[in-house]
Protein backbone atom coordinates (compact mmCIF):
# COMPACT_ATOMS: atom_id res chain seq x y z
CA MET A 1 0.00 0.00 0.00
CA THR A 2 1.29 3.43 -0.82
CA VAL A 3 0.36 6.52 1.14
CA ASN A 4 -3.18 7.71 0.43
CA LEU A 5 -4.59 11.05 1.56
CA TRP A 6 -8.14 12.34 2.02
CA ALA A 7 -9.30 15.85 2.89
CA ALA A 8 -12.61 17.60 3.42
CA ARG A 9 -13.60 21.24 3.71
CA LEU A 10 -16.19 21.73 6.43
CA ASN A 11 -18.47 24.38 5.02
CA ARG A 12 -21.30 24.37 7.54
CA PRO A 13 -22.05 23.56 11.19
CA LEU A 14 -23.14 20.08 12.16
CA ALA A 15 -26.90 19.58 12.24
CA GLU A 16 -28.35 18.34 15.53
CA GLY A 17 -28.82 14.79 14.24
CA GLU A 18 -25.30 14.65 12.79
CA VAL A 19 -23.74 15.04 16.24
CA GLU A 20 -25.21 11.60 16.95
CA LEU A 21 -22.58 10.23 14.54
CA LEU A 22 -20.29 10.22 17.59
CA SER A 23 -21.72 6.72 18.17
CA LEU A 24 -19.70 5.53 15.13
CA LEU A 25 -16.39 6.33 16.81
CA PRO A 26 -14.32 4.03 19.03
CA PRO A 27 -15.54 4.40 22.65
CA GLU A 28 -12.41 6.16 23.95
CA ARG A 29 -12.55 8.75 21.12
CA ARG A 30 -16.28 9.22 21.59
CA GLU A 31 -15.81 9.87 25.33
CA ARG A 32 -13.09 12.40 24.58
CA LEU A 33 -15.24 14.31 22.07
CA VAL A 34 -18.31 14.32 24.33
CA ARG A 35 -16.28 16.31 26.89
CA LEU A 36 -15.75 19.10 24.32
CA PRO A 37 -18.25 21.94 24.01
CA ALA A 38 -20.71 21.24 21.17
CA GLU A 39 -19.21 23.99 18.96
CA LYS A 40 -15.74 22.36 19.22
CA ARG A 41 -16.83 18.86 18.09
CA ARG A 42 -17.23 19.39 14.34
CA GLU A 43 -13.58 19.21 13.27
CA PRO A 44 -12.43 16.24 15.42
CA LEU A 45 -15.64 14.31 14.69
CA CYS A 46 -15.30 14.92 10.95
CA ALA A 47 -11.61 13.89 11.07
CA TRP A 48 -12.59 10.48 12.47
CA LEU A 49 -15.46 10.21 9.99
CA LEU A 50 -13.01 11.01 7.18
CA LEU A 51 -10.78 8.18 8.43
CA ARG A 52 -13.81 5.90 8.45
CA LEU A 53 -14.51 6.84 4.81
CA ALA A 54 -10.85 6.26 3.90
CA LEU A 55 -10.90 2.81 5.51
CA ARG A 56 -14.13 1.92 3.71
CA GLU A 57 -12.70 3.03 0.35
CA SER A 58 -9.34 1.32 0.95
CA PHE A 59 -10.31 -1.92 2.71
CA GLY A 60 -14.10 -2.16 2.63
CA TRP A 61 -14.23 -1.75 6.43
CA THR A 62 -17.59 -0.46 7.62
CA GLU A 63 -16.51 0.32 11.19
CA LEU A 64 -13.47 1.84 12.82
CA PRO A 65 -11.40 -0.86 14.50
CA PRO A 66 -10.29 -0.49 18.14
CA VAL A 67 -7.77 2.31 18.61
CA ALA A 68 -4.88 2.14 21.09
CA LEU A 69 -2.13 4.64 21.89
CA THR A 70 1.63 4.21 21.83
CA ASP A 71 3.55 5.21 24.96
CA ARG A 72 3.95 8.67 23.38
CA GLY A 73 0.26 9.03 22.58
CA LYS A 74 0.17 8.22 18.85
CA PRO A 75 -3.05 6.35 17.98
CA PHE A 76 -2.94 3.05 16.10
CA PHE A 77 -5.27 0.16 15.29
CA SER A 78 -4.48 -2.50 17.87
CA ASP A 79 -6.00 -5.27 15.70
CA TYR A 80 -4.29 -4.02 12.51
CA PRO A 81 -0.83 -2.67 13.44
CA GLN A 82 0.21 -2.92 9.77
CA VAL A 83 -2.29 -0.17 8.86
CA HIS A 84 -0.84 3.20 9.82
CA PHE A 85 -3.04 6.29 9.93
CA ASN A 86 -2.88 9.89 10.98
CA LEU A 87 -5.46 12.65 11.28
CA SER A 88 -5.38 16.41 11.44
CA HIS A 89 -8.07 19.03 11.83
CA THR A 90 -8.21 22.78 11.93
CA GLU A 91 -11.00 25.30 11.74
CA GLY A 92 -13.00 24.35 8.64
CA ALA A 93 -10.90 21.45 7.30
CA VAL A 94 -9.77 17.89 8.04
CA LEU A 95 -7.01 15.68 6.60
CA ALA A 96 -6.40 11.93 6.92
CA GLY A 97 -3.59 9.67 5.74
CA LEU A 98 -3.36 5.87 5.44
CA SER A 99 -0.27 3.79 4.72
CA ASP A 100 1.49 0.53 5.50
CA LYS A 101 4.39 2.63 6.84
CA PRO A 102 4.42 5.33 9.56
CA ILE A 103 2.66 8.48 8.38
CA GLY A 104 2.01 11.96 9.70
CA VAL A 105 -0.27 14.67 8.31
CA ASP A 106 -1.09 18.20 9.33
CA ILE A 107 -3.41 20.92 8.07
CA GLU A 108 -3.76 24.43 9.47
CA ARG A 109 -5.90 27.41 8.58
CA ILE A 110 -3.56 30.33 7.87
CA ARG A 111 -4.18 33.07 10.40
CA PRO A 112 -2.19 35.86 12.08
CA VAL A 113 0.82 34.67 14.09
CA ALA A 114 2.69 36.43 16.88
CA PRO A 115 6.09 37.76 15.76
CA ARG A 116 7.96 35.77 18.44
CA LEU A 117 6.47 32.51 17.08
CA MET A 118 7.43 33.48 13.53
CA ALA A 119 10.97 34.17 14.70
CA GLN A 120 11.05 30.80 16.46
CA VAL A 121 10.67 28.98 13.12
CA GLY A 122 12.49 31.57 10.99
CA ALA A 123 9.38 32.76 9.12
CA SER A 124 8.67 36.27 7.85
CA THR A 125 4.98 35.85 6.87
CA ASP A 126 2.00 33.97 8.25
CA GLU A 127 2.08 31.73 5.16
CA ASP A 128 5.77 30.90 5.73
CA PHE A 129 5.10 30.19 9.39
CA PHE A 130 2.29 27.72 8.65
CA ALA A 131 4.25 26.04 5.86
CA ALA A 132 7.04 25.42 8.39
CA TRP A 133 4.58 24.47 11.13
CA VAL A 134 2.68 21.82 9.13
CA ARG A 135 5.94 20.33 7.86
CA ARG A 136 7.31 20.04 11.40
CA GLU A 137 4.02 18.74 12.76
CA ALA A 138 3.63 16.10 10.02
CA ARG A 139 7.21 14.92 10.51
CA THR A 140 6.74 14.78 14.28
CA LYS A 141 3.47 12.88 14.02
CA CYS A 142 5.07 10.43 11.61
CA SER A 143 7.97 9.77 13.98
CA GLY A 144 5.82 9.67 17.11
CA ARG A 145 8.09 12.19 18.88
CA GLY A 146 6.82 15.22 20.76
CA ILE A 147 6.44 18.52 18.90
CA GLY A 148 8.52 20.43 21.48
CA ALA A 149 11.84 19.30 20.02
CA MET A 150 10.76 20.23 16.48
CA LEU A 151 9.74 23.74 17.56
CA ARG A 152 13.21 24.53 18.83
CA GLN A 153 14.99 23.36 15.70
CA GLU A 154 13.84 21.20 12.85
CA PRO A 155 16.22 18.27 12.43
CA PRO A 156 17.51 17.26 9.01
CA MET A 157 15.56 14.65 7.06
CA GLU A 158 16.50 11.09 8.00
CA PRO A 159 17.19 8.33 5.47
CA GLY A 160 13.87 6.99 4.15
CA GLU A 161 11.91 9.98 5.45
CA LEU A 162 9.69 11.71 2.91
CA CYS A 163 7.82 14.99 3.29
CA ARG A 164 5.57 16.86 0.86
CA GLU A 165 3.71 20.14 1.14
CA LEU A 166 0.13 19.80 -0.06
CA GLU A 167 -1.98 22.42 -1.79
CA ILE A 168 -5.49 21.42 -0.82
CA PHE A 169 -7.66 24.44 0.01
CA PRO A 170 -6.99 28.16 -0.39
CA GLY A 171 -6.12 29.76 2.94
CA TYR A 172 -4.75 26.52 4.40
CA ALA A 173 -1.29 24.97 4.69
CA ALA A 174 -0.93 21.17 4.70
CA CYS A 175 1.82 18.57 4.65
CA ALA A 176 2.28 14.79 4.71
CA ALA A 177 5.32 12.87 5.93
CA SER A 178 6.16 9.18 5.65
CA ARG A 179 8.84 6.70 6.59
CA GLY A 180 8.92 4.76 3.34
CA GLY A 181 6.39 4.36 0.60
CA THR A 182 5.62 7.15 -1.84
CA LEU A 183 3.78 10.34 -1.09
CA PRO A 184 0.98 10.96 -3.59
CA GLU A 185 0.77 14.02 -5.77
CA THR A 186 -2.97 14.27 -5.21
CA VAL A 187 -5.37 14.22 -2.30
CA ARG A 188 -8.88 12.74 -2.50
CA ILE A 189 -11.13 15.72 -1.77
CA CYS A 190 -14.38 14.72 -0.09
CA SER A 191 -17.52 16.68 0.56
CA MET A 192 -18.80 17.07 4.07
CA GLU A 193 -21.88 15.09 3.05
CA GLU A 194 -19.72 12.09 2.10
CA LEU A 195 -18.47 11.94 5.68
CA LEU A 196 -21.89 12.21 7.25
């Protein structure tokens, strides 16, 4: 399996009945989302629903398998450790990646950034900052390390590590990173209705 990527632009609030889709998530993820205020549930819920769609399209799975966490907090399918996945969400958009190798993805809505944060990553514009941020975040999520080390200084690429900036939606920065496999040139763009 190569790396496959899916993204969706969330162009409206969840309807009351759609929030009930939480029941489709693994119990531990459902419990986590229920603790969020209702207005903060759309993006994480849709990220998991996007993963569900990706798994259905890739493997014919109709349900999300049980999810466990590594000692550093990276989620994985305990019954299918050979299937690697990663999710990202930001205001108005979600991104998911599937692979048979470790993968990390990140998407961020471009917004104003404090000058000290821009200086921390060596950026001069908000766009440059978020391009650096999503690259670092995707690489970190792929490796399973904490983001703190990447914020201080981004390490050089390691042998077998791949990273690609993604142009998905205007006003957003996105990136995918992998440890082997090939990163696709395209992303499967889904409508919000396909997720729900």
